[in-house]
């Protein structure tokens, strides 16, 4: 019986410390969560950007893909977010 009480006590302490850790991480990171309006704008822009023509070599590390990301995708993404007010 004593072992059961110790196990329950350890589980309770563990859950309490886990909650404290989550709170500490949220406090340390600050208000990093997107507001709902910005989240919606980002989602809409992502849908818009899917229509952009991609380079022929789509592999992640390829030079063509990197240049496409820097010269086409990122500027279009920034412009879209500016149009949405962010």
Protein backbone atom coordinates (compact mmCIF):
# COMPACT_ATOMS: atom_id res chain seq x y z
CA UNK A 1 0.00 0.00 0.00
CA UNK A 2 2.84 2.38 0.80
CA UNK A 3 4.28 1.86 -2.66
CA UNK A 4 0.99 2.78 -4.31
CA UNK A 5 0.86 6.04 -2.38
CA UNK A 6 4.44 6.85 -3.37
CA UNK A 7 3.71 6.14 -7.04
CA UNK A 8 0.59 8.31 -7.00
CA UNK A 9 2.53 11.07 -5.24
CA UNK A 10 5.36 10.90 -7.82
CA UNK A 11 2.87 11.05 -10.69
CA UNK A 12 1.14 14.07 -9.13
CA UNK A 13 4.45 15.89 -8.63
CA UNK A 14 5.51 15.05 -12.20
CA UNK A 15 2.27 16.43 -13.64
CA UNK A 16 2.59 19.57 -11.54
CA UNK A 17 6.17 20.16 -12.67
CA UNK A 18 5.22 19.53 -16.30
CA UNK A 19 2.56 22.23 -16.06
CA UNK A 20 5.06 24.62 -14.49
CA UNK A 21 7.55 23.90 -17.24
CA UNK A 22 4.97 24.67 -19.93
CA UNK A 23 4.12 27.94 -18.20
CA UNK A 24 7.80 28.84 -17.89
CA UNK A 25 8.43 28.13 -21.57
CA UNK A 26 5.41 30.21 -22.62
CA UNK A 27 6.59 33.07 -20.39
CA UNK A 28 10.15 32.89 -21.75
CA UNK A 29 9.07 32.81 -25.40
CA UNK A 30 6.69 35.71 -24.92
CA UNK A 31 3.64 36.39 -27.05
CA UNK A 32 4.91 34.44 -30.03
CA UNK A 33 1.58 33.03 -31.11
CA UNK A 34 0.02 34.46 -34.26
CA UNK A 35 -3.11 36.52 -33.79
CA UNK A 36 -6.05 34.89 -35.58
CA UNK A 37 -6.18 37.56 -38.32
CA UNK A 38 -2.49 37.10 -39.13
CA UNK A 39 -2.91 33.33 -39.12
CA UNK A 40 -5.78 33.61 -41.60
CA UNK A 41 -3.80 35.99 -43.82
CA UNK A 42 -0.83 33.61 -43.82
CA UNK A 43 -3.11 30.72 -44.74
CA UNK A 44 -4.66 32.69 -47.63
CA UNK A 45 -1.23 33.74 -48.90
CA UNK A 46 -0.02 30.13 -48.78
CA UNK A 47 -2.96 29.11 -50.94
CA UNK A 48 -2.20 31.95 -53.38
CA UNK A 49 1.47 31.04 -53.59
CA UNK A 50 0.71 27.44 -54.53
CA UNK A 51 -0.10 28.69 -58.03
CA UNK A 52 3.42 30.04 -58.61
CA UNK A 53 5.36 28.10 -61.22
CA UNK A 54 8.12 26.04 -59.61
CA UNK A 55 11.56 25.32 -61.08
CA UNK A 56 12.09 22.10 -62.98
CA UNK A 57 14.55 20.75 -60.40
CA UNK A 58 12.37 20.67 -57.26
CA UNK A 59 14.80 18.89 -54.94
CA UNK A 60 15.32 20.81 -51.70
CA UNK A 61 19.03 21.42 -51.89
CA UNK A 62 19.24 22.22 -55.57
CA UNK A 63 20.61 25.57 -56.66
CA UNK A 64 17.56 26.21 -58.86
CA UNK A 65 15.19 25.67 -55.96
CA UNK A 66 17.20 27.93 -53.65
CA UNK A 67 17.28 30.70 -56.25
CA UNK A 68 13.54 30.29 -56.86
CA UNK A 69 12.82 30.57 -53.15
CA UNK A 70 14.92 33.73 -52.79
CA UNK A 71 13.94 35.48 -56.02
CA UNK A 72 10.32 34.39 -56.54
CA UNK A 73 8.64 32.79 -53.53
CA UNK A 74 9.88 34.97 -50.66
CA UNK A 75 9.21 38.33 -52.39
CA UNK A 76 5.74 37.12 -53.42
CA UNK A 77 5.07 35.96 -49.86
CA UNK A 78 6.16 39.29 -48.37
CA UNK A 79 4.09 41.22 -50.92
CA UNK A 80 1.01 39.11 -50.21
CA UNK A 81 1.32 39.65 -46.44
CA UNK A 82 1.76 43.41 -47.05
CA UNK A 83 -1.45 43.43 -49.13
CA UNK A 84 -3.23 41.71 -46.24
CA UNK A 85 -1.95 44.37 -43.83
CA UNK A 86 0.88 42.56 -42.08
